[in-house]
Amino acid sequence: MVEMTIEMKVIARKRKELLLTLRDMIASIRAQEGCASCSACLSMENSKAISLNTCWHTRKCMDDHQSSRLFSVLLGAVRLLCQSYKITIKEVLLPNGLNHDQT
């Protein structure tokens, strides 16, 4: 499994627009081949902090997502509506004997 997180610091007056954009995109991301999960999280401490968390069955599935038009549109919205953002990718090790179909 591979996790990709986009941590965003949204421009205050653009917060609602970003949240609506993410809401509209999450179902499409979840429908992409190999997507195990996709969710947006709001910070309780900082109203400008939003993260989009995705988990992919394989690195290839995540790479295909990053090459998609959907990801380009997502990054375009993030660049337009956020002060800054950071993308983190990490491999997720599953407990011994489990494969991604059992989680």
C-alpha atoms as a PDB file:
ATOM      1  CA  MET A   1       0.000   0.000   0.000  1.00  0.00           C
ATOM      2  CA  VAL A   2       1.110   3.550  -0.706  1.00  0.00           C
ATOM      3  CA  GLU A   3      -0.211   6.625   1.063  1.00  0.00           C
ATOM      4  CA  MET A   4      -0.223  10.087  -0.453  1.00  0.00           C
ATOM      5  CA  THR A   5      -1.147  13.102   1.653  1.00  0.00           C
ATOM      6  CA  ILE A   6      -1.540  16.642   0.382  1.00  0.00           C
ATOM      7  CA  GLU A   7      -1.330  19.092   3.278  1.00  0.00           C
ATOM      8  CA  MET A   8      -2.717  22.470   2.312  1.00  0.00           C
ATOM      9  CA  LYS A   9      -2.736  25.903   3.918  1.00  0.00           C
ATOM     10  CA  VAL A  10      -5.787  27.472   2.298  1.00  0.00           C
ATOM     11  CA  ILE A  11      -6.301  31.174   1.633  1.00  0.00           C
ATOM     12  CA  ALA A  12      -9.002  32.143   4.178  1.00  0.00           C
ATOM     13  CA  ARG A  13     -11.465  33.630   1.671  1.00  0.00           C
ATOM     14  CA  LYS A  14     -11.001  30.586  -0.624  1.00  0.00           C
ATOM     15  CA  ARG A  15     -11.677  27.918   2.044  1.00  0.00           C
ATOM     16  CA  LYS A  16     -15.278  27.214   1.034  1.00  0.00           C
ATOM     17  CA  GLU A  17     -14.317  26.967  -2.645  1.00  0.00           C
ATOM     18  CA  LEU A  18     -11.526  24.489  -1.878  1.00  0.00           C
ATOM     19  CA  LEU A  19     -13.798  22.359   0.314  1.00  0.00           C
ATOM     20  CA  LEU A  20     -16.468  22.228  -2.397  1.00  0.00           C
ATOM     21  CA  THR A  21     -13.831  21.296  -4.980  1.00  0.00           C
ATOM     22  CA  LEU A  22     -12.470  18.500  -2.783  1.00  0.00           C
ATOM     23  CA  ARG A  23     -15.971  17.234  -2.039  1.00  0.00           C
ATOM     24  CA  ASP A  24     -16.700  17.018  -5.759  1.00  0.00           C
ATOM     25  CA  MET A  25     -13.403  15.258  -6.540  1.00  0.00           C
ATOM     26  CA  ILE A  26     -13.277  12.663  -3.765  1.00  0.00           C
ATOM     27  CA  ALA A  27     -15.801  10.298  -5.392  1.00  0.00           C
ATOM     28  CA  SER A  28     -13.885  10.438  -8.692  1.00  0.00           C
ATOM     29  CA  ILE A  29     -10.581   9.724  -6.939  1.00  0.00           C
ATOM     30  CA  ARG A  30     -12.140   6.786  -5.072  1.00  0.00           C
ATOM     31  CA  ALA A  31     -13.371   5.402  -8.397  1.00  0.00           C
ATOM     32  CA  GLN A  32      -9.856   5.310  -9.884  1.00  0.00           C
ATOM     33  CA  GLU A  33      -8.316   1.885 -10.235  1.00  0.00           C
ATOM     34  CA  GLY A  34      -6.329   0.893  -7.173  1.00  0.00           C
ATOM     35  CA  CYS A  35      -7.666   3.532  -4.791  1.00  0.00           C
ATOM     36  CA  ALA A  36      -8.174   1.958  -1.367  1.00  0.00           C
ATOM     37  CA  SER A  37      -9.375   5.158   0.322  1.00  0.00           C
ATOM     38  CA  CYS A  38      -9.659   8.902  -0.095  1.00  0.00           C
ATOM     39  CA  SER A  39     -10.698  11.462   2.515  1.00  0.00           C
ATOM     40  CA  ALA A  40     -10.304  15.126   3.353  1.00  0.00           C
ATOM     41  CA  CYS A  41      -9.502  16.241   6.898  1.00  0.00           C
ATOM     42  CA  LEU A  42      -9.911  19.629   8.531  1.00  0.00           C
ATOM     43  CA  SER A  43      -7.692  20.744  11.383  1.00  0.00           C
ATOM     44  CA  MET A  44      -9.471  21.529  14.642  1.00  0.00           C
ATOM     45  CA  GLU A  45      -6.652  23.893  15.664  1.00  0.00           C
ATOM     46  CA  ASN A  46      -6.081  25.757  12.410  1.00  0.00           C
ATOM     47  CA  SER A  47      -8.972  26.697  10.113  1.00  0.00           C
ATOM     48  CA  LYS A  48      -6.525  27.163   7.222  1.00  0.00           C
ATOM     49  CA  ALA A  49      -5.157  23.595   7.418  1.00  0.00           C
ATOM     50  CA  ILE A  50      -6.796  20.942   5.226  1.00  0.00           C
ATOM     51  CA  SER A  51      -5.358  17.630   4.119  1.00  0.00           C
ATOM     52  CA  LEU A  52      -6.358  15.181   1.420  1.00  0.00           C
ATOM     53  CA  ASN A  53      -5.363  11.617   2.264  1.00  0.00           C
ATOM     54  CA  THR A  54      -5.351   8.838  -0.316  1.00  0.00           C
ATOM     55  CA  CYS A  55      -4.231   5.242  -0.050  1.00  0.00           C
ATOM     56  CA  TRP A  56      -3.374   3.117  -3.103  1.00  0.00           C
ATOM     57  CA  HIS A  57      -3.025  -0.655  -3.486  1.00  0.00           C
ATOM     58  CA  THR A  58       0.239  -0.279  -5.452  1.00  0.00           C
ATOM     59  CA  ARG A  59       2.767   2.379  -6.355  1.00  0.00           C
ATOM     60  CA  LYS A  60       1.748   1.976 -10.008  1.00  0.00           C
ATOM     61  CA  CYS A  61      -1.883   2.787  -9.168  1.00  0.00           C
ATOM     62  CA  MET A  62      -0.765   5.954  -7.377  1.00  0.00           C
ATOM     63  CA  ASP A  63       1.578   6.869 -10.253  1.00  0.00           C
ATOM     64  CA  ASP A  64      -1.295   6.398 -12.716  1.00  0.00           C
ATOM     65  CA  HIS A  65      -3.431   8.698 -10.561  1.00  0.00           C
ATOM     66  CA  GLN A  66      -0.669  11.316 -10.512  1.00  0.00           C
ATOM     67  CA  SER A  67      -0.525  11.137 -14.322  1.00  0.00           C
ATOM     68  CA  SER A  68      -4.284  11.567 -14.678  1.00  0.00           C
ATOM     69  CA  ARG A  69      -6.217  14.626 -15.761  1.00  0.00           C
ATOM     70  CA  LEU A  70      -8.079  14.472 -12.430  1.00  0.00           C
ATOM     71  CA  PHE A  71      -4.842  14.926 -10.480  1.00  0.00           C
ATOM     72  CA  SER A  72      -3.834  17.827 -12.749  1.00  0.00           C
ATOM     73  CA  VAL A  73      -7.155  19.539 -12.060  1.00  0.00           C
ATOM     74  CA  LEU A  74      -6.738  18.883  -8.335  1.00  0.00           C
ATOM     75  CA  LEU A  75      -3.238  20.400  -8.283  1.00  0.00           C
ATOM     76  CA  GLY A  76      -4.462  23.373 -10.298  1.00  0.00           C
ATOM     77  CA  ALA A  77      -7.164  24.051  -7.705  1.00  0.00           C
ATOM     78  CA  VAL A  78      -4.686  23.633  -4.864  1.00  0.00           C
ATOM     79  CA  ARG A  79      -2.229  26.066  -6.457  1.00  0.00           C
ATOM     80  CA  LEU A  80      -5.005  28.593  -7.058  1.00  0.00           C
ATOM     81  CA  LEU A  81      -6.743  28.365  -3.686  1.00  0.00           C
ATOM     82  CA  CYS A  82      -3.904  27.681  -1.252  1.00  0.00           C
ATOM     83  CA  GLN A  83      -1.050  29.716   0.183  1.00  0.00           C
ATOM     84  CA  SER A  84       1.108  26.615   0.287  1.00  0.00           C
ATOM     85  CA  TYR A  85       0.928  22.853   0.066  1.00  0.00           C
ATOM     86  CA  LYS A  86       3.104  19.807   0.665  1.00  0.00           C
ATOM     87  CA  ILE A  87       2.766  16.329  -0.827  1.00  0.00           C
ATOM     88  CA  THR A  88       4.000  13.376   1.221  1.00  0.00           C
ATOM     89  CA  ILE A  89       4.215   9.830  -0.142  1.00  0.00           C
ATOM     90  CA  LYS A  90       5.017   6.814   2.009  1.00  0.00           C
ATOM     91  CA  GLU A  91       4.919   3.068   1.731  1.00  0.00           C
ATOM     92  CA  VAL A  92       2.599   1.417   4.243  1.00  0.00           C
ATOM     93  CA  LEU A  93       3.674  -1.936   5.597  1.00  0.00           C
ATOM     94  CA  LEU A  94       0.838  -4.263   6.496  1.00  0.00           C
ATOM     95  CA  PRO A  95       0.955  -6.732   9.403  1.00  0.00           C
ATOM     96  CA  ASN A  96       2.520 -10.086   8.579  1.00  0.00           C
ATOM     97  CA  GLY A  97       0.267 -12.327   6.529  1.00  0.00           C
ATOM     98  CA  LEU A  98      -2.166  -9.616   5.415  1.00  0.00           C
ATOM     99  CA  ASN A  99      -2.491  -8.428   1.879  1.00  0.00           C
ATOM    100  CA  HIS A 100      -4.307  -5.291   0.742  1.00  0.00           C
ATOM    101  CA  ASP A 101      -7.490  -7.247  -0.024  1.00  0.00           C
ATOM    102  CA  GLN A 102      -7.867  -8.225   3.643  1.00  0.00           C
ATOM    103  CA  THR A 103      -7.581  -4.788   5.232  1.00  0.00           C
END
